[in-house]
Amino acid sequence: MSISFTFNGRPLEASAGQSVGAALTSNGFTAWRSTRKGGRPRGLFCGIGVCFDCLVTVDGDANQRACLAEVRDGMVVDGVEPLEGDRT
């Protein structure tokens, strides 16, 4: 079953049950924030909630790990944009 959500204002599709991180990756996004020092791109790293590389804002709630949050129909996800090499 396909659901719709937005990422940085862009409408995207995902499969029900996917994590936000998996949904972003399957839509071509490999990084959605950057480090404070050096501005290095970050996205999924561990994929199991141990690290904090995949932080996003979900429905206005900041600092959510994209690998742990399940994508829902109508969800609004925001990251840091644009990142060099990011999908446009």
N, C-alpha and C. Protein backbone atom coordinates (compact mmCIF):
# COMPACT_ATOMS: atom_id res chain seq x y z
N MET A 1 0.84 -1.18 0.00
CA MET A 1 0.00 0.00 0.00
C MET A 1 0.89 1.24 0.00
N SER A 2 0.59 2.18 -0.85
CA SER A 2 1.37 3.40 -0.99
C SER A 2 0.74 4.52 -0.19
N ILE A 3 1.60 5.31 0.48
CA ILE A 3 1.12 6.46 1.22
C ILE A 3 1.88 7.70 0.75
N SER A 4 1.35 8.86 1.07
CA SER A 4 1.97 10.12 0.67
C SER A 4 2.46 10.87 1.90
N PHE A 5 3.62 11.52 1.77
CA PHE A 5 4.16 12.38 2.81
C PHE A 5 4.95 13.48 2.13
N THR A 6 5.36 14.48 2.87
CA THR A 6 6.19 15.53 2.28
C THR A 6 7.54 15.57 2.98
N PHE A 7 8.54 15.92 2.20
CA PHE A 7 9.89 16.12 2.72
C PHE A 7 10.38 17.47 2.22
N ASN A 8 10.65 18.38 3.14
CA ASN A 8 11.06 19.74 2.78
C ASN A 8 10.12 20.35 1.74
N GLY A 9 8.82 20.09 1.93
CA GLY A 9 7.79 20.65 1.06
C GLY A 9 7.54 19.88 -0.23
N ARG A 10 8.30 18.83 -0.49
CA ARG A 10 8.12 18.04 -1.72
C ARG A 10 7.23 16.83 -1.44
N PRO A 11 6.20 16.63 -2.25
CA PRO A 11 5.36 15.44 -2.06
C PRO A 11 6.11 14.18 -2.50
N LEU A 12 6.06 13.15 -1.66
CA LEU A 12 6.73 11.89 -1.95
C LEU A 12 5.80 10.73 -1.64
N GLU A 13 6.13 9.56 -2.16
CA GLU A 13 5.39 8.33 -1.91
C GLU A 13 6.26 7.38 -1.11
N ALA A 14 5.63 6.55 -0.30
CA ALA A 14 6.33 5.54 0.48
C ALA A 14 5.44 4.32 0.61
N SER A 15 6.03 3.23 1.00
CA SER A 15 5.27 2.02 1.30
C SER A 15 4.88 2.04 2.77
N ALA A 16 3.66 1.64 3.06
CA ALA A 16 3.21 1.57 4.45
C ALA A 16 4.17 0.67 5.24
N GLY A 17 4.53 1.09 6.43
CA GLY A 17 5.41 0.33 7.28
C GLY A 17 6.88 0.69 7.17
N GLN A 18 7.24 1.49 6.17
CA GLN A 18 8.63 1.91 6.02
C GLN A 18 9.00 2.92 7.10
N SER A 19 10.26 2.93 7.47
CA SER A 19 10.74 4.01 8.33
C SER A 19 10.88 5.27 7.47
N VAL A 20 10.93 6.41 8.12
CA VAL A 20 11.14 7.66 7.39
C VAL A 20 12.46 7.59 6.64
N GLY A 21 13.50 7.05 7.27
CA GLY A 21 14.80 6.93 6.62
C GLY A 21 14.75 6.07 5.37
N ALA A 22 14.06 4.94 5.45
CA ALA A 22 13.93 4.05 4.29
C ALA A 22 13.12 4.73 3.19
N ALA A 23 12.07 5.46 3.58
CA ALA A 23 11.24 6.16 2.60
C ALA A 23 12.04 7.25 1.89
N LEU A 24 12.84 8.00 2.65
CA LEU A 24 13.66 9.04 2.03
C LEU A 24 14.70 8.42 1.09
N THR A 25 15.35 7.37 1.55
CA THR A 25 16.35 6.70 0.73
C THR A 25 15.73 6.14 -0.55
N SER A 26 14.57 5.52 -0.44
CA SER A 26 13.93 4.95 -1.63
C SER A 26 13.46 6.03 -2.60
N ASN A 27 13.34 7.27 -2.12
CA ASN A 27 12.99 8.40 -2.99
C ASN A 27 14.22 9.15 -3.48
N GLY A 28 15.42 8.61 -3.22
CA GLY A 28 16.63 9.19 -3.77
C GLY A 28 17.40 10.12 -2.86
N PHE A 29 16.97 10.28 -1.63
CA PHE A 29 17.67 11.16 -0.69
C PHE A 29 18.62 10.32 0.17
N THR A 30 19.89 10.65 0.14
CA THR A 30 20.85 9.92 0.96
C THR A 30 21.36 10.76 2.12
N ALA A 31 21.09 12.04 2.12
CA ALA A 31 21.49 12.93 3.20
C ALA A 31 20.40 13.98 3.38
N TRP A 32 20.09 14.29 4.63
CA TRP A 32 19.06 15.29 4.88
C TRP A 32 19.41 16.24 6.02
N ARG A 33 20.62 16.18 6.46
CA ARG A 33 21.12 17.18 7.40
C ARG A 33 22.63 17.25 7.23
N SER A 34 23.25 18.25 7.86
CA SER A 34 24.71 18.36 7.80
C SER A 34 25.24 18.62 9.21
N THR A 35 26.50 18.30 9.39
CA THR A 35 27.12 18.50 10.70
C THR A 35 27.32 19.98 10.99
N ARG A 36 27.30 20.34 12.26
CA ARG A 36 27.51 21.74 12.64
C ARG A 36 28.93 22.18 12.31
N LYS A 37 29.89 21.31 12.54
CA LYS A 37 31.29 21.63 12.22
C LYS A 37 31.63 20.97 10.90
N GLY A 38 31.90 21.76 9.91
CA GLY A 38 32.32 21.25 8.61
C GLY A 38 31.22 21.07 7.59
N GLY A 39 29.96 21.08 8.02
CA GLY A 39 28.85 20.95 7.09
C GLY A 39 28.82 19.66 6.30
N ARG A 40 29.30 18.57 6.90
CA ARG A 40 29.33 17.28 6.19
C ARG A 40 27.93 16.67 6.16
N PRO A 41 27.54 16.09 5.02
CA PRO A 41 26.19 15.52 4.89
C PRO A 41 26.00 14.28 5.76
N ARG A 42 24.78 14.15 6.29
CA ARG A 42 24.42 13.00 7.11
C ARG A 42 23.05 12.49 6.72
N GLY A 43 22.89 11.19 6.81
CA GLY A 43 21.62 10.50 6.56
C GLY A 43 21.63 9.24 7.39
N LEU A 44 21.20 8.12 6.80
CA LEU A 44 21.23 6.86 7.53
C LEU A 44 22.66 6.40 7.73
N PHE A 45 22.99 5.96 8.93
CA PHE A 45 24.30 5.38 9.20
C PHE A 45 24.10 4.00 9.81
N CYS A 46 23.65 3.95 11.04
CA CYS A 46 23.47 2.63 11.66
C CYS A 46 22.13 2.00 11.27
N GLY A 47 21.11 2.81 11.10
CA GLY A 47 19.80 2.31 10.69
C GLY A 47 19.01 1.61 11.78
N ILE A 48 19.52 1.62 13.04
CA ILE A 48 18.83 0.92 14.12
C ILE A 48 18.64 1.78 15.37
N GLY A 49 18.85 3.07 15.26
CA GLY A 49 18.59 3.98 16.37
C GLY A 49 19.71 4.16 17.37
N VAL A 50 20.90 3.68 17.06
CA VAL A 50 22.02 3.82 17.98
C VAL A 50 22.70 5.18 17.83
N CYS A 51 22.90 5.62 16.60
CA CYS A 51 23.56 6.91 16.36
C CYS A 51 22.51 8.00 16.17
N PHE A 52 22.95 9.19 15.86
CA PHE A 52 22.03 10.31 15.67
C PHE A 52 22.28 11.01 14.33
N ASP A 53 22.81 10.28 13.36
CA ASP A 53 23.11 10.88 12.05
C ASP A 53 21.86 11.19 11.24
N CYS A 54 20.76 10.50 11.48
CA CYS A 54 19.59 10.62 10.61
C CYS A 54 18.49 11.53 11.16
N LEU A 55 18.84 12.47 12.02
CA LEU A 55 17.83 13.32 12.64
C LEU A 55 17.04 14.15 11.62
N VAL A 56 15.72 14.19 11.84
CA VAL A 56 14.81 14.99 11.03
C VAL A 56 13.77 15.61 11.96
N THR A 57 12.98 16.52 11.43
CA THR A 57 11.82 17.05 12.13
C THR A 57 10.59 16.38 11.55
N VAL A 58 9.77 15.77 12.40
CA VAL A 58 8.58 15.06 11.96
C VAL A 58 7.35 15.76 12.54
N ASP A 59 6.50 16.27 11.67
CA ASP A 59 5.28 16.98 12.09
C ASP A 59 5.58 18.02 13.16
N GLY A 60 6.69 18.77 12.98
CA GLY A 60 7.06 19.84 13.88
C GLY A 60 7.84 19.40 15.10
N ASP A 61 8.03 18.11 15.29
CA ASP A 61 8.77 17.58 16.44
C ASP A 61 10.22 17.33 16.01
N ALA A 62 11.14 18.18 16.47
CA ALA A 62 12.54 18.14 16.04
C ALA A 62 13.30 16.96 16.63
N ASN A 63 14.43 16.66 16.02
CA ASN A 63 15.39 15.67 16.50
C ASN A 63 14.83 14.25 16.60
N GLN A 64 14.06 13.86 15.60
CA GLN A 64 13.54 12.50 15.51
C GLN A 64 14.48 11.66 14.65
N ARG A 65 14.79 10.46 15.09
CA ARG A 65 15.64 9.58 14.29
C ARG A 65 14.80 8.98 13.16
N ALA A 66 15.21 9.28 11.93
CA ALA A 66 14.47 8.83 10.74
C ALA A 66 14.42 7.31 10.64
N CYS A 67 15.41 6.63 11.20
CA CYS A 67 15.43 5.17 11.12
C CYS A 67 14.42 4.53 12.06
N LEU A 68 13.93 5.25 13.06
CA LEU A 68 12.99 4.70 14.03
C LEU A 68 11.55 5.16 13.80
N ALA A 69 11.36 6.31 13.17
CA ALA A 69 10.02 6.85 12.95
C ALA A 69 9.37 6.17 11.75
N GLU A 70 8.17 5.65 11.94
CA GLU A 70 7.44 5.03 10.84
C GLU A 70 6.71 6.11 10.05
N VAL A 71 6.88 6.08 8.74
CA VAL A 71 6.24 7.08 7.89
C VAL A 71 4.73 6.84 7.89
N ARG A 72 3.97 7.95 7.97
CA ARG A 72 2.51 7.89 7.98
C ARG A 72 1.96 8.76 6.86
N ASP A 73 0.78 8.41 6.41
CA ASP A 73 0.13 9.19 5.37
C ASP A 73 -0.08 10.61 5.86
N GLY A 74 0.34 11.58 5.08
CA GLY A 74 0.18 12.99 5.42
C GLY A 74 1.28 13.56 6.30
N MET A 75 2.25 12.74 6.68
CA MET A 75 3.35 13.18 7.55
C MET A 75 4.15 14.29 6.87
N VAL A 76 4.60 15.25 7.67
CA VAL A 76 5.44 16.33 7.18
C VAL A 76 6.83 16.14 7.80
N VAL A 77 7.81 15.89 6.94
CA VAL A 77 9.19 15.66 7.38
C VAL A 77 10.06 16.78 6.85
N ASP A 78 10.90 17.33 7.70
CA ASP A 78 11.82 18.38 7.30
C ASP A 78 13.23 18.02 7.73
N GLY A 79 14.17 18.32 6.86
CA GLY A 79 15.58 18.15 7.14
C GLY A 79 16.28 19.45 6.82
N VAL A 80 17.57 19.39 6.62
CA VAL A 80 18.35 20.55 6.23
C VAL A 80 18.52 20.50 4.72
N GLU A 81 18.28 21.60 4.06
CA GLU A 81 18.33 21.62 2.60
C GLU A 81 18.89 22.95 2.14
N PRO A 82 19.53 23.06 1.01
CA PRO A 82 19.94 21.92 0.18
C PRO A 82 21.31 21.40 0.62
N LEU A 83 21.57 20.18 0.31
CA LEU A 83 22.87 19.59 0.51
C LEU A 83 23.50 19.32 -0.84
N GLU A 84 24.77 19.58 -0.95
CA GLU A 84 25.48 19.32 -2.19
C GLU A 84 25.35 17.85 -2.55
N GLY A 85 24.97 17.55 -3.77
CA GLY A 85 24.81 16.18 -4.22
C GLY A 85 23.47 15.59 -3.88
N ASP A 86 22.60 16.34 -3.21
CA ASP A 86 21.28 15.87 -2.85
C ASP A 86 20.41 15.82 -4.09
N ARG A 87 19.41 15.00 -4.06
CA ARG A 87 18.45 14.92 -5.15
C ARG A 87 17.71 16.24 -5.26
N THR A 88 17.48 16.70 -6.47
CA THR A 88 16.74 17.95 -6.66
C THR A 88 15.36 17.71 -7.19
